[in-house]
Every structure is written in structure tokens, then in C-alpha cells.
N, C-alpha and C. Protein backbone atom coordinates (compact mmCIF):
# COMPACT_ATOMS: atom_id res chain seq x y z
N UNK A 1 97.08 107.20 22.37
CA UNK A 1 96.48 108.24 23.21
C UNK A 1 96.75 109.69 22.42
N UNK A 2 95.89 110.13 22.39
CA UNK A 2 95.46 111.51 21.56
C UNK A 2 94.96 112.38 22.75
N UNK A 3 95.52 113.64 22.63
CA UNK A 3 95.38 114.99 23.93
C UNK A 3 95.36 116.31 22.76
N UNK A 4 94.20 117.03 23.31
CA UNK A 4 94.40 118.03 23.04
C UNK A 4 94.82 119.02 23.85
N UNK A 5 95.79 119.87 23.58
CA UNK A 5 96.32 120.72 24.92
C UNK A 5 96.27 122.03 24.66
N UNK A 6 95.49 122.69 25.46
CA UNK A 6 95.24 124.28 25.34
C UNK A 6 96.21 125.09 26.56
N UNK A 7 97.02 126.34 25.86
CA UNK A 7 97.47 127.04 27.16
C UNK A 7 96.61 127.90 27.64
N UNK A 8 96.12 128.26 28.83
CA UNK A 8 95.20 128.55 29.32
C UNK A 8 95.47 129.55 30.66
N UNK A 9 94.54 130.79 30.37
CA UNK A 9 94.87 131.61 31.87
C UNK A 9 94.24 131.04 32.93
N UNK A 10 93.18 130.34 32.64
CA UNK A 10 92.16 129.80 33.60
C UNK A 10 91.16 128.75 33.07
N UNK A 11 91.05 127.40 34.03
CA UNK A 11 90.12 126.30 33.16
C UNK A 11 89.56 125.71 34.43
N UNK A 12 88.33 125.42 34.36
CA UNK A 12 87.66 124.53 35.28
C UNK A 12 86.46 123.68 34.67
N UNK A 13 86.41 122.76 35.84
CA UNK A 13 85.15 121.67 35.15
C UNK A 13 84.38 121.38 36.26
N UNK A 14 82.98 121.43 35.71
CA UNK A 14 81.98 121.31 36.86
C UNK A 14 81.41 120.10 36.45
N UNK A 15 80.56 119.33 37.37
CA UNK A 15 79.77 118.24 37.21
C UNK A 15 78.59 118.31 38.20
N UNK A 16 77.20 118.71 37.85
CA UNK A 16 76.07 118.92 38.31
C UNK A 16 76.41 120.02 39.46
N UNK A 17 77.01 121.13 38.49
CA UNK A 17 76.82 122.30 39.24
C UNK A 17 78.20 122.37 40.20
N UNK A 18 78.90 121.53 40.71
CA UNK A 18 80.03 121.64 41.57
C UNK A 18 81.14 121.60 40.51
N UNK A 19 82.02 122.45 41.18
CA UNK A 19 83.63 122.51 40.59
C UNK A 19 84.23 121.41 41.15
N UNK A 20 84.78 120.70 40.07
CA UNK A 20 85.51 119.39 40.44
C UNK A 20 87.12 119.52 40.23
N UNK A 21 87.38 120.21 39.59
CA UNK A 21 88.73 120.64 39.01
C UNK A 21 88.73 122.01 38.76
N UNK A 22 89.93 122.73 38.94
CA UNK A 22 89.99 124.21 38.50
C UNK A 22 91.58 124.43 38.48
N UNK A 23 91.87 125.49 37.88
CA UNK A 23 93.18 125.98 37.66
C UNK A 23 93.40 127.29 37.00
N UNK A 24 94.26 128.07 37.52
CA UNK A 24 94.67 129.23 36.89
C UNK A 24 95.45 129.29 35.56
N UNK A 25 96.51 129.82 35.63
CA UNK A 25 97.35 129.72 34.41
C UNK A 25 98.13 128.38 34.15
N UNK A 26 98.11 127.79 32.89
CA UNK A 26 98.66 126.35 32.84
C UNK A 26 98.00 125.79 31.71
N UNK A 27 97.86 124.58 31.47
CA UNK A 27 97.53 123.76 30.44
C UNK A 27 96.27 122.80 30.70
N UNK A 28 95.16 122.87 30.02
CA UNK A 28 94.01 122.38 29.85
C UNK A 28 94.32 121.06 28.88
N UNK A 29 94.04 119.99 29.22
CA UNK A 29 94.55 118.73 28.79
C UNK A 29 93.45 117.74 28.52
N UNK A 30 92.78 117.83 27.35
CA UNK A 30 91.41 116.89 27.01
C UNK A 30 92.15 115.32 26.20
N UNK A 31 92.07 114.31 27.00
CA UNK A 31 92.65 113.03 26.80
C UNK A 31 91.49 112.03 26.25
N UNK A 32 92.10 111.52 24.98
CA UNK A 32 91.38 110.27 24.61
C UNK A 32 92.26 109.14 24.83
N UNK A 33 91.72 108.10 24.88
CA UNK A 33 92.46 106.88 25.32
C UNK A 33 92.12 105.63 23.85
N UNK A 34 92.90 105.19 23.08
CA UNK A 34 92.71 104.14 22.24
C UNK A 34 92.63 102.65 22.64
N UNK A 35 91.93 101.88 22.04
CA UNK A 35 91.98 100.41 22.69
C UNK A 35 93.46 99.77 22.85
N UNK A 36 94.44 100.16 21.88
CA UNK A 36 95.77 99.80 21.81
C UNK A 36 96.79 100.35 23.02
N UNK A 37 96.02 101.31 23.94
CA UNK A 37 97.02 102.07 24.41
C UNK A 37 97.25 101.29 25.91
N UNK A 38 98.56 101.76 26.48
CA UNK A 38 99.00 101.03 27.71
C UNK A 38 99.95 101.82 28.49
N UNK A 39 100.40 101.63 29.60
CA UNK A 39 101.27 102.38 30.40
C UNK A 39 102.32 103.35 29.76
N UNK A 40 102.78 102.64 28.59
CA UNK A 40 103.82 103.22 27.86
C UNK A 40 103.69 104.44 27.00
N UNK A 41 102.30 104.53 26.69
CA UNK A 41 101.69 105.63 25.94
C UNK A 41 101.32 106.67 26.98
N UNK A 42 100.88 106.56 28.22
CA UNK A 42 100.61 107.35 29.73
C UNK A 42 102.16 107.94 29.74
N UNK A 43 103.25 107.19 30.05
CA UNK A 43 104.78 107.54 30.33
C UNK A 43 105.32 108.79 28.87
N UNK A 44 104.91 108.13 27.83
CA UNK A 44 105.34 109.31 26.97
C UNK A 44 104.49 110.50 26.92
N UNK A 45 103.25 110.49 27.20
CA UNK A 45 102.43 111.53 26.88
C UNK A 45 102.68 112.55 28.13
N UNK A 46 102.80 112.02 29.09
CA UNK A 46 103.35 113.06 30.44
C UNK A 46 104.76 113.47 30.47
N UNK A 47 105.77 113.15 30.04
CA UNK A 47 106.76 113.25 29.54
C UNK A 47 106.65 114.49 28.57
N UNK A 48 105.89 114.24 27.51
CA UNK A 48 105.76 115.75 26.63
C UNK A 48 104.85 116.60 26.82
N UNK A 49 104.04 116.38 27.50
CA UNK A 49 103.34 117.50 27.98
C UNK A 49 103.88 118.23 29.07
N UNK A 50 104.69 117.34 30.13
CA UNK A 50 105.19 118.41 31.10
C UNK A 50 106.40 119.02 30.65
N UNK A 51 107.29 118.70 29.41
CA UNK A 51 108.29 119.14 28.68
C UNK A 51 108.02 120.23 27.54
N UNK A 52 106.70 120.17 27.13
CA UNK A 52 106.29 121.34 26.09
C UNK A 52 106.45 122.58 26.29
N UNK A 53 107.27 123.13 25.73
CA UNK A 53 107.60 124.80 25.87
C UNK A 53 106.94 125.76 25.08
N UNK A 54 105.53 125.66 25.70
CA UNK A 54 104.70 126.67 25.10
C UNK A 54 104.15 127.91 25.97
N UNK A 55 105.37 128.05 27.08
CA UNK A 55 104.67 129.34 27.64
C UNK A 55 106.32 130.36 27.55
N UNK A 56 105.69 131.82 27.31
CA UNK A 56 106.88 132.60 26.95
C UNK A 56 107.62 133.17 28.09
N UNK A 57 108.89 133.25 27.85
CA UNK A 57 110.00 133.54 28.83
C UNK A 57 109.98 135.28 28.98
N UNK A 58 110.78 135.63 29.31
CA UNK A 58 110.95 137.20 29.72
C UNK A 58 110.90 138.21 28.46
N UNK A 59 111.28 137.23 27.49
CA UNK A 59 111.70 138.17 26.34
C UNK A 59 110.35 137.69 25.34
N UNK A 60 109.32 136.92 25.70
CA UNK A 60 108.17 136.62 24.99
C UNK A 60 108.33 135.44 23.96
N UNK A 61 109.73 134.80 23.82
CA UNK A 61 109.89 133.46 23.26
C UNK A 61 109.04 132.29 23.90
N UNK A 62 108.45 131.42 23.27
CA UNK A 62 107.98 130.20 23.91
C UNK A 62 109.14 129.17 24.30
N UNK A 63 109.63 129.79 25.27
CA UNK A 63 110.81 128.59 25.81
C UNK A 63 110.52 127.87 27.33
N UNK A 64 109.35 128.37 27.75
CA UNK A 64 109.11 127.64 29.30
C UNK A 64 107.98 126.65 28.99
N UNK A 65 108.38 125.30 29.81
CA UNK A 65 107.20 124.40 30.01
C UNK A 65 106.17 124.73 31.08
N UNK A 66 105.38 124.29 31.22
CA UNK A 66 104.33 124.49 32.16
C UNK A 66 104.77 124.73 33.58
N UNK A 67 106.02 123.71 34.21
CA UNK A 67 106.41 124.05 35.46
C UNK A 67 107.29 125.27 35.61
N UNK A 68 108.02 125.34 34.45
CA UNK A 68 108.82 126.81 34.93
C UNK A 68 108.17 127.95 34.56
N UNK A 69 107.06 127.82 34.24
CA UNK A 69 106.12 129.12 34.05
C UNK A 69 105.21 129.22 35.24
N UNK A 70 105.23 128.16 36.11
CA UNK A 70 104.48 128.18 37.32
C UNK A 70 103.10 127.73 36.94
N UNK A 71 102.67 127.29 36.06
CA UNK A 71 101.73 126.77 35.94
C UNK A 71 100.97 125.78 36.55
N UNK A 72 99.76 125.17 36.07
CA UNK A 72 99.09 123.84 36.71
C UNK A 72 98.59 123.32 35.40
N UNK A 73 97.89 121.97 35.77
CA UNK A 73 97.39 121.14 34.87
C UNK A 73 96.02 120.56 35.11
N UNK A 74 95.15 120.79 34.27
CA UNK A 74 93.85 120.41 34.06
C UNK A 74 93.59 119.26 33.19
N UNK A 75 93.05 117.84 33.73
CA UNK A 75 93.17 116.65 32.69
C UNK A 75 91.98 116.28 32.61
N UNK A 76 91.05 116.33 31.44
CA UNK A 76 89.57 116.08 31.39
C UNK A 76 89.48 114.91 30.36
N UNK A 77 88.83 113.74 30.75
CA UNK A 77 88.67 112.45 29.90
C UNK A 77 87.76 113.01 28.39
N UNK A 78 88.10 112.50 27.55
CA UNK A 78 87.67 112.86 26.51
C UNK A 78 87.42 111.87 25.19
N UNK A 79 86.35 110.99 25.26
CA UNK A 79 86.44 110.02 24.47
C UNK A 79 86.28 110.14 22.97
N UNK A 80 85.52 111.54 22.87
CA UNK A 80 85.28 112.11 21.45
C UNK A 80 86.08 112.41 20.79
N UNK A 81 87.43 112.36 21.50
CA UNK A 81 88.70 112.60 20.51
C UNK A 81 88.80 111.50 19.30
N UNK A 82 88.50 110.19 19.66
CA UNK A 82 88.36 109.34 18.68
C UNK A 82 87.21 109.15 17.97
N UNK A 83 86.52 110.22 17.74
CA UNK A 83 85.38 109.83 16.82
C UNK A 83 85.71 110.12 15.20
N UNK A 84 84.94 109.10 14.60
CA UNK A 84 85.18 109.11 13.36
C UNK A 84 83.96 109.66 12.52
N UNK A 85 84.19 110.75 11.77
CA UNK A 85 83.23 111.29 11.26
C UNK A 85 82.98 110.89 9.64
N UNK A 86 83.65 110.11 9.18
CA UNK A 86 84.02 109.91 7.64
C UNK A 86 82.70 109.36 7.03
N UNK A 87 82.02 108.88 7.75
CA UNK A 87 80.64 108.15 6.90
C UNK A 87 79.26 108.78 8.01
N UNK A 88 78.60 109.10 7.13
CA UNK A 88 77.28 109.74 7.74
C UNK A 88 77.34 111.02 8.45
N UNK A 89 76.51 110.91 9.27
CA UNK A 89 76.42 112.44 10.03
C UNK A 89 76.52 112.17 11.69
N UNK A 90 76.57 110.56 12.15
CA UNK A 90 76.38 110.49 13.33
C UNK A 90 78.05 109.90 13.50
N UNK A 91 78.98 110.46 14.58
CA UNK A 91 80.24 109.89 14.64
C UNK A 91 80.14 108.41 15.27
N UNK A 92 81.35 107.80 14.84
CA UNK A 92 81.43 106.29 15.29
C UNK A 92 82.37 106.54 16.32
N UNK A 93 82.38 106.03 17.36
CA UNK A 93 83.46 105.93 18.69
C UNK A 93 84.19 104.77 18.75
N UNK A 94 84.31 104.01 17.76
CA UNK A 94 85.03 102.47 17.82
C UNK A 94 86.19 102.79 18.19
N UNK A 95 86.80 103.63 17.47
CA UNK A 95 88.14 103.80 17.92
C UNK A 95 88.75 104.39 19.28
N UNK A 96 87.74 104.37 20.11
CA UNK A 96 87.97 104.90 21.72
C UNK A 96 88.08 103.47 22.34
N UNK A 97 88.91 103.55 23.61
CA UNK A 97 89.05 102.44 24.29
C UNK A 97 87.74 102.51 25.22
N UNK A 98 87.47 101.25 25.68
CA UNK A 98 86.34 100.96 26.65
C UNK A 98 86.63 101.44 27.87
N UNK A 99 85.69 101.98 28.78
CA UNK A 99 85.86 102.66 30.09
C UNK A 99 86.73 101.89 30.96
N UNK A 100 86.58 100.52 31.09
CA UNK A 100 87.57 99.75 31.99
C UNK A 100 89.27 99.64 31.56
N UNK A 101 89.28 100.06 30.48
CA UNK A 101 90.77 100.42 29.86
C UNK A 101 90.94 101.67 30.00
N UNK A 102 90.50 102.84 29.70
CA UNK A 102 90.61 104.07 29.42
C UNK A 102 90.69 104.59 30.64
N UNK A 103 89.85 104.26 32.01
CA UNK A 103 89.99 104.96 33.23
C UNK A 103 91.09 104.97 33.95
N UNK A 104 91.69 103.87 33.92
CA UNK A 104 92.93 103.56 34.74
C UNK A 104 94.33 104.40 33.90
N UNK A 105 94.11 104.40 32.60
CA UNK A 105 95.04 105.12 32.00
C UNK A 105 95.04 106.70 32.11
N UNK A 106 93.82 107.17 32.11
CA UNK A 106 93.55 108.57 32.12
C UNK A 106 93.96 108.94 33.90
N UNK A 107 93.52 108.27 34.69
CA UNK A 107 94.14 108.32 35.96
C UNK A 107 95.55 108.39 36.24
N UNK A 108 96.22 107.55 35.29
CA UNK A 108 97.77 107.41 35.67
C UNK A 108 98.02 108.77 35.08
N UNK A 109 97.62 109.15 33.76
CA UNK A 109 98.24 110.29 33.41
C UNK A 109 97.90 111.55 34.04
N UNK A 110 96.89 111.67 34.68
CA UNK A 110 96.78 112.96 35.57
C UNK A 110 97.78 112.95 36.94
N UNK A 111 97.61 111.54 37.45
CA UNK A 111 98.72 111.03 38.42
C UNK A 111 100.06 111.83 38.42
N UNK A 112 100.63 111.27 36.88
CA UNK A 112 101.84 111.61 36.36
C UNK A 112 101.95 113.09 36.19
N UNK A 113 101.10 113.73 35.90
CA UNK A 113 101.64 115.44 35.47
C UNK A 113 101.03 116.02 36.85
N UNK A 114 100.64 115.40 38.08
CA UNK A 114 99.93 116.07 39.16
C UNK A 114 98.91 117.05 38.81
N UNK A 115 97.77 116.40 38.34
CA UNK A 115 97.16 117.21 37.77
C UNK A 115 95.70 117.49 38.62
N UNK A 116 94.96 118.38 38.26
CA UNK A 116 93.59 118.58 38.87
C UNK A 116 92.83 117.75 37.56
N UNK A 117 91.72 117.13 37.87
CA UNK A 117 91.14 116.39 37.05
C UNK A 117 89.79 116.89 37.01
N UNK A 118 88.96 116.45 35.80
CA UNK A 118 87.40 116.12 35.53
C UNK A 118 87.06 114.63 36.30
N UNK A 119 85.74 114.51 36.09
CA UNK A 119 85.39 113.16 37.02
C UNK A 119 85.14 112.34 35.32
N UNK A 120 86.00 111.30 35.02
CA UNK A 120 85.46 110.16 34.23
C UNK A 120 84.10 109.75 33.97
N UNK A 121 83.91 109.62 32.92
CA UNK A 121 82.70 109.32 32.52
C UNK A 121 81.27 110.64 32.70
N UNK A 122 81.51 111.49 33.24
CA UNK A 122 80.64 112.38 33.98
C UNK A 122 80.34 113.16 32.67
N UNK A 123 78.85 113.71 33.07
CA UNK A 123 78.78 114.79 31.81
C UNK A 123 78.98 115.95 32.68
N UNK A 124 80.14 116.50 31.82
CA UNK A 124 81.05 117.71 32.43
C UNK A 124 81.09 118.92 31.71
N UNK A 125 80.94 120.15 32.20
CA UNK A 125 81.03 121.51 31.46
C UNK A 125 82.41 122.01 32.06
N UNK A 126 83.24 122.23 30.85
CA UNK A 126 84.07 122.66 30.93
C UNK A 126 84.20 124.11 30.26
N UNK A 127 84.80 124.94 31.30
CA UNK A 127 85.22 126.66 30.89
C UNK A 127 86.56 126.94 30.74
N UNK A 128 86.85 127.45 29.70
CA UNK A 128 88.67 127.84 29.94
C UNK A 128 88.42 129.44 29.27
N UNK A 129 89.85 129.74 29.62
CA UNK A 129 90.27 131.28 28.79
C UNK A 129 91.41 130.85 28.34
N UNK A 130 91.31 130.34 26.78
CA UNK A 130 92.58 129.93 25.84
C UNK A 130 93.49 131.24 25.86
N UNK A 131 94.81 130.83 26.27
CA UNK A 131 95.97 132.00 26.20
C UNK A 131 96.47 131.98 25.04
N UNK A 132 96.38 132.83 23.92
CA UNK A 132 97.18 132.73 23.02
C UNK A 132 96.46 133.43 21.93
N UNK A 133 95.70 132.30 21.26
CA UNK A 133 95.38 131.22 21.77
C UNK A 133 96.59 130.36 21.37
N UNK A 134 96.76 129.19 22.29
CA UNK A 134 97.64 128.13 21.94
C UNK A 134 97.01 126.87 21.96
N UNK A 135 96.88 126.09 21.02
CA UNK A 135 95.94 124.98 21.12
C UNK A 135 96.71 123.76 20.00
N UNK A 136 97.14 122.64 20.63
CA UNK A 136 97.62 121.61 19.99
C UNK A 136 97.16 120.16 20.18
N UNK A 137 97.39 119.40 18.95
CA UNK A 137 96.63 118.00 19.08
C UNK A 137 98.42 117.09 19.30
N UNK A 138 98.22 116.17 20.04
CA UNK A 138 99.17 115.62 20.15
C UNK A 138 98.74 113.93 20.34
N UNK A 139 99.16 113.24 19.36
CA UNK A 139 99.07 111.72 19.30
C UNK A 139 100.37 110.93 19.75
N UNK A 140 100.17 109.85 20.66
CA UNK A 140 101.39 109.21 21.09
C UNK A 140 101.86 108.39 19.93
N UNK A 141 102.94 107.89 19.85
CA UNK A 141 103.56 107.57 18.48
C UNK A 141 103.16 106.02 18.49
N UNK A 142 102.95 105.55 17.21
CA UNK A 142 102.56 104.17 17.08
C UNK A 142 103.78 103.15 17.56
N UNK A 143 103.27 102.31 18.38
CA UNK A 143 104.22 101.16 19.02
C UNK A 143 104.39 100.00 17.75
N UNK A 144 105.88 99.94 17.92
CA UNK A 144 106.27 98.91 16.97
C UNK A 144 105.89 97.51 17.27
């Protein structure tokens, strides 16, 4: 599982002009699922994201996680995170899981984080105000 996580002042997702997910301060998490991912990756990623200390404390140090900072989470499916641009000009998405595997794992991650969410497989318009900016790429560890 691969995520791009951004600390945001606000973020929202629209589908066909309708807001389907929206948060104020918190984390916007773009989620890509690999074909070998299982619930183990969901569990690991949920713990990593919920405990990630990227919010400032009273002294301005990055010591608080999203819950401690009073923030919320917005999760958006993003199969293009597994796009391979090594050859040619058109990315290959063979590294991304098929929807029948990816959707339940994406939903499980959103549930574990008690997150707002986009709509899996939809053409989404994502708006955000990146705070900091703070943006991280996190890959779940390879399983033995």
C-alpha cells in the first residue's frame, strides 16, 4: 500500500459537482493499493497514519498526531500512485490492484481511520489547502 499524506488546513472531494467528503484541519490521504496487499497492510497503514506526529504543539514542534491536534482525515483512492513512467510517455498501471481487491481495502482503511472519503472509482475533483506544506509518501513494509 502506498499513500501520499498531506497536512491540510482544509480539503474536499467533489463528484459531479456534489461534495462527497470534506474536512477542515487534518490529513488528506491519497491511497494506492498493490495487488499483493491484504488487511495486514491496512492495519499497519492505519496505525502509521493515526500516530504520525506532523502537527505542531504549543511550541511549534511537530509533536502531535492528527487526533491530538483535533484534526480529521479525508481518504481518497488513487490507483495512479502505482503508475510506472519508466518506459514511453504513457504510464503503466500494472502495479495497481484491480478494483475488486482495492476497493474493500481502501474502505477498510477509511473505516479504521474514521475518515471522510472520496468515492472509489469516480472521477473526483480534490481541493486542498496544504498546511506547511507538509507532504509525505509512505509505503507499507514488504511482507516476508
